[in-house]
Amino acid sequence: MTTSNVFTIFLAVVLLFVADAIWLHWNLPVEIGKRFVAFVEYLSFWR
C-alpha cells in the first residue's frame, strides 16, 4: 500500500467521524467501542 493510499483512507475515516459528530449523530465511536468489546469477549472464549 502506498503512502498516498494510506493518507486517503485515513482522511476518509477522519471525515466520516467528523461528519458523524456534526450531522449524522450515529454515535460511531460508541458503536465501534461496543463491537470491539464484544469481539474481545468472543476472542477470550477461544483462549
PDB file of N, CA and C in Angstrom:
ATOM      1  N   MET A   1       0.855  -1.169   0.000  1.00  0.00           N
ATOM      2  CA  MET A   1       0.000   0.000   0.000  1.00  0.00           C
ATOM      3  C   MET A   1       0.904   1.235   0.000  1.00  0.00           C
ATOM      4  N   THR A   2       0.626   2.132  -0.888  1.00  0.00           N
ATOM      5  CA  THR A   2       1.461   3.320  -0.986  1.00  0.00           C
ATOM      6  C   THR A   2       1.046   4.354   0.054  1.00  0.00           C
ATOM      7  N   THR A   3       1.920   5.306   0.250  1.00  0.00           N
ATOM      8  CA  THR A   3       1.673   6.343   1.244  1.00  0.00           C
ATOM      9  C   THR A   3       0.440   7.166   0.897  1.00  0.00           C
ATOM     10  N   SER A   4       0.240   7.449  -0.364  1.00  0.00           N
ATOM     11  CA  SER A   4      -0.932   8.247  -0.746  1.00  0.00           C
ATOM     12  C   SER A   4      -2.227   7.487  -0.471  1.00  0.00           C
ATOM     13  N   ASN A   5      -2.212   6.179  -0.652  1.00  0.00           N
ATOM     14  CA  ASN A   5      -3.396   5.382  -0.321  1.00  0.00           C
ATOM     15  C   ASN A   5      -3.686   5.420   1.173  1.00  0.00           C
ATOM     16  N   VAL A   6      -2.647   5.327   1.973  1.00  0.00           N
ATOM     17  CA  VAL A   6      -2.822   5.365   3.425  1.00  0.00           C
ATOM     18  C   VAL A   6      -3.391   6.705   3.852  1.00  0.00           C
ATOM     19  N   PHE A   7      -2.863   7.789   3.325  1.00  0.00           N
ATOM     20  CA  PHE A   7      -3.375   9.118   3.677  1.00  0.00           C
ATOM     21  C   PHE A   7      -4.818   9.298   3.219  1.00  0.00           C
ATOM     22  N   THR A   8      -5.169   8.768   2.060  1.00  0.00           N
ATOM     23  CA  THR A   8      -6.535   8.880   1.556  1.00  0.00           C
ATOM     24  C   THR A   8      -7.517   8.129   2.450  1.00  0.00           C
ATOM     25  N   ILE A   9      -7.167   6.919   2.836  1.00  0.00           N
ATOM     26  CA  ILE A   9      -8.033   6.133   3.717  1.00  0.00           C
ATOM     27  C   ILE A   9      -8.140   6.790   5.085  1.00  0.00           C
ATOM     28  N   PHE A  10      -7.028   7.278   5.615  1.00  0.00           N
ATOM     29  CA  PHE A  10      -7.038   7.958   6.907  1.00  0.00           C
ATOM     30  C   PHE A  10      -7.925   9.198   6.857  1.00  0.00           C
ATOM     31  N   LEU A  11      -7.810   9.973   5.799  1.00  0.00           N
ATOM     32  CA  LEU A  11      -8.622  11.176   5.651  1.00  0.00           C
ATOM     33  C   LEU A  11     -10.103  10.825   5.538  1.00  0.00           C
ATOM     34  N   ALA A  12     -10.426   9.759   4.830  1.00  0.00           N
ATOM     35  CA  ALA A  12     -11.821   9.333   4.700  1.00  0.00           C
ATOM     36  C   ALA A  12     -12.403   8.926   6.050  1.00  0.00           C
ATOM     37  N   VAL A  13     -11.625   8.216   6.852  1.00  0.00           N
ATOM     38  CA  VAL A  13     -12.100   7.798   8.174  1.00  0.00           C
ATOM     39  C   VAL A  13     -12.282   9.004   9.085  1.00  0.00           C
ATOM     40  N   VAL A  14     -11.330   9.918   9.073  1.00  0.00           N
ATOM     41  CA  VAL A  14     -11.443  11.123   9.897  1.00  0.00           C
ATOM     42  C   VAL A  14     -12.651  11.949   9.473  1.00  0.00           C
ATOM     43  N   LEU A  15     -12.861  12.107   8.167  1.00  0.00           N
ATOM     44  CA  LEU A  15     -14.020  12.864   7.692  1.00  0.00           C
ATOM     45  C   LEU A  15     -15.332  12.183   8.063  1.00  0.00           C
ATOM     46  N   LEU A  16     -15.351  10.865   8.075  1.00  0.00           N
ATOM     47  CA  LEU A  16     -16.551  10.150   8.496  1.00  0.00           C
ATOM     48  C   LEU A  16     -16.861  10.428   9.964  1.00  0.00           C
ATOM     49  N   PHE A  17     -15.836  10.413  10.820  1.00  0.00           N
ATOM     50  CA  PHE A  17     -16.057  10.706  12.235  1.00  0.00           C
ATOM     51  C   PHE A  17     -16.480  12.156  12.447  1.00  0.00           C
ATOM     52  N   VAL A  18     -15.911  13.073  11.687  1.00  0.00           N
ATOM     53  CA  VAL A  18     -16.304  14.485  11.797  1.00  0.00           C
ATOM     54  C   VAL A  18     -17.744  14.664  11.335  1.00  0.00           C
ATOM     55  N   ALA A  19     -18.104  14.049  10.218  1.00  0.00           N
ATOM     56  CA  ALA A  19     -19.480  14.146   9.731  1.00  0.00           C
ATOM     57  C   ALA A  19     -20.456  13.528  10.729  1.00  0.00           C
ATOM     58  N   ASP A  20     -20.040  12.446  11.373  1.00  0.00           N
ATOM     59  CA  ASP A  20     -20.885  11.826  12.386  1.00  0.00           C
ATOM     60  C   ASP A  20     -21.088  12.763  13.566  1.00  0.00           C
ATOM     61  N   ALA A  21     -20.043  13.418  13.989  1.00  0.00           N
ATOM     62  CA  ALA A  21     -20.146  14.314  15.140  1.00  0.00           C
ATOM     63  C   ALA A  21     -20.984  15.546  14.830  1.00  0.00           C
ATOM     64  N   ILE A  22     -20.924  16.025  13.600  1.00  0.00           N
ATOM     65  CA  ILE A  22     -21.605  17.276  13.261  1.00  0.00           C
ATOM     66  C   ILE A  22     -23.030  17.026  12.757  1.00  0.00           C
ATOM     67  N   TRP A  23     -23.206  16.101  11.808  1.00  0.00           N
ATOM     68  CA  TRP A  23     -24.503  15.966  11.149  1.00  0.00           C
ATOM     69  C   TRP A  23     -25.220  14.654  11.420  1.00  0.00           C
ATOM     70  N   LEU A  24     -24.512  13.551  11.366  1.00  0.00           N
ATOM     71  CA  LEU A  24     -25.184  12.253  11.301  1.00  0.00           C
ATOM     72  C   LEU A  24     -25.699  11.754  12.649  1.00  0.00           C
ATOM     73  N   HIS A  25     -24.953  11.981  13.702  1.00  0.00           N
ATOM     74  CA  HIS A  25     -25.315  11.556  15.067  1.00  0.00           C
ATOM     75  C   HIS A  25     -25.589  10.053  15.139  1.00  0.00           C
ATOM     76  N   TRP A  26     -24.717   9.277  14.518  1.00  0.00           N
ATOM     77  CA  TRP A  26     -24.805   7.824  14.585  1.00  0.00           C
ATOM     78  C   TRP A  26     -24.067   7.262  15.796  1.00  0.00           C
ATOM     79  N   ASN A  27     -23.333   8.095  16.526  1.00  0.00           N
ATOM     80  CA  ASN A  27     -22.528   7.670  17.676  1.00  0.00           C
ATOM     81  C   ASN A  27     -21.534   6.575  17.279  1.00  0.00           C
ATOM     82  N   LEU A  28     -20.809   6.819  16.206  1.00  0.00           N
ATOM     83  CA  LEU A  28     -19.868   5.820  15.701  1.00  0.00           C
ATOM     84  C   LEU A  28     -18.804   5.405  16.713  1.00  0.00           C
ATOM     85  N   PRO A  29     -18.179   6.330  17.462  1.00  0.00           N
ATOM     86  CA  PRO A  29     -17.181   5.865  18.427  1.00  0.00           C
ATOM     87  C   PRO A  29     -17.764   4.915  19.466  1.00  0.00           C
ATOM     88  N   VAL A  30     -18.991   5.180  19.907  1.00  0.00           N
ATOM     89  CA  VAL A  30     -19.633   4.304  20.889  1.00  0.00           C
ATOM     90  C   VAL A  30     -19.940   2.943  20.269  1.00  0.00           C
ATOM     91  N   GLU A  31     -20.481   2.942  19.065  1.00  0.00           N
ATOM     92  CA  GLU A  31     -20.813   1.681  18.399  1.00  0.00           C
ATOM     93  C   GLU A  31     -19.561   0.854  18.116  1.00  0.00           C
ATOM     94  N   ILE A  32     -18.511   1.506  17.674  1.00  0.00           N
ATOM     95  CA  ILE A  32     -17.259   0.789  17.412  1.00  0.00           C
ATOM     96  C   ILE A  32     -16.691   0.230  18.712  1.00  0.00           C
ATOM     97  N   GLY A  33     -16.780   1.003  19.785  1.00  0.00           N
ATOM     98  CA  GLY A  33     -16.319   0.524  21.090  1.00  0.00           C
ATOM     99  C   GLY A  33     -17.102  -0.686  21.561  1.00  0.00           C
ATOM    100  N   LYS A  34     -18.420  -0.655  21.403  1.00  0.00           N
ATOM    101  CA  LYS A  34     -19.251  -1.797  21.807  1.00  0.00           C
ATOM    102  C   LYS A  34     -18.904  -3.037  20.999  1.00  0.00           C
ATOM    103  N   ARG A  35     -18.731  -2.854  19.694  1.00  0.00           N
ATOM    104  CA  ARG A  35     -18.391  -4.004  18.849  1.00  0.00           C
ATOM    105  C   ARG A  35     -17.000  -4.547  19.175  1.00  0.00           C
ATOM    106  N   PHE A  36     -16.071  -3.642  19.523  1.00  0.00           N
ATOM    107  CA  PHE A  36     -14.727  -4.082  19.890  1.00  0.00           C
ATOM    108  C   PHE A  36     -14.759  -4.891  21.180  1.00  0.00           C
ATOM    109  N   VAL A  37     -15.542  -4.432  22.162  1.00  0.00           N
ATOM    110  CA  VAL A  37     -15.667  -5.169  23.421  1.00  0.00           C
ATOM    111  C   VAL A  37     -16.282  -6.543  23.166  1.00  0.00           C
ATOM    112  N   ALA A  38     -17.310  -6.603  22.336  1.00  0.00           N
ATOM    113  CA  ALA A  38     -17.923  -7.893  22.010  1.00  0.00           C
ATOM    114  C   ALA A  38     -16.925  -8.804  21.296  1.00  0.00           C
ATOM    115  N   PHE A  39     -16.107  -8.234  20.420  1.00  0.00           N
ATOM    116  CA  PHE A  39     -15.101  -9.023  19.713  1.00  0.00           C
ATOM    117  C   PHE A  39     -14.041  -9.553  20.673  1.00  0.00           C
ATOM    118  N   VAL A  40     -13.614  -8.730  21.623  1.00  0.00           N
ATOM    119  CA  VAL A  40     -12.624  -9.178  22.608  1.00  0.00           C
ATOM    120  C   VAL A  40     -13.208 -10.285  23.475  1.00  0.00           C
ATOM    121  N   GLU A  41     -14.466 -10.164  23.860  1.00  0.00           N
ATOM    122  CA  GLU A  41     -15.102 -11.229  24.635  1.00  0.00           C
ATOM    123  C   GLU A  41     -15.198 -12.513  23.814  1.00  0.00           C
ATOM    124  N   TYR A  42     -15.480 -12.380  22.531  1.00  0.00           N
ATOM    125  CA  TYR A  42     -15.527 -13.546  21.656  1.00  0.00           C
ATOM    126  C   TYR A  42     -14.150 -14.205  21.571  1.00  0.00           C
ATOM    127  N   LEU A  43     -13.111 -13.391  21.436  1.00  0.00           N
ATOM    128  CA  LEU A  43     -11.760 -13.947  21.367  1.00  0.00           C
ATOM    129  C   LEU A  43     -11.346 -14.590  22.684  1.00  0.00           C
ATOM    130  N   SER A  44     -11.798 -14.033  23.809  1.00  0.00           N
ATOM    131  CA  SER A  44     -11.416 -14.601  25.100  1.00  0.00           C
ATOM    132  C   SER A  44     -12.033 -15.986  25.283  1.00  0.00           C
ATOM    133  N   PHE A  45     -13.121 -16.267  24.590  1.00  0.00           N
ATOM    134  CA  PHE A  45     -13.708 -17.602  24.633  1.00  0.00           C
ATOM    135  C   PHE A  45     -12.741 -18.628  24.063  1.00  0.00           C
ATOM    136  N   TRP A  46     -11.993 -18.255  23.033  1.00  0.00           N
ATOM    137  CA  TRP A  46     -11.083 -19.178  22.366  1.00  0.00           C
ATOM    138  C   TRP A  46      -9.730 -19.277  23.053  1.00  0.00           C
ATOM    139  N   ARG A  47      -9.534 -18.568  24.126  1.00  0.00           N
ATOM    140  CA  ARG A  47      -8.248 -18.573  24.802  1.00  0.00           C
ATOM    141  C   ARG A  47      -8.024 -19.845  25.509  1.00  0.00           C
TER     142      ARG A  47
END
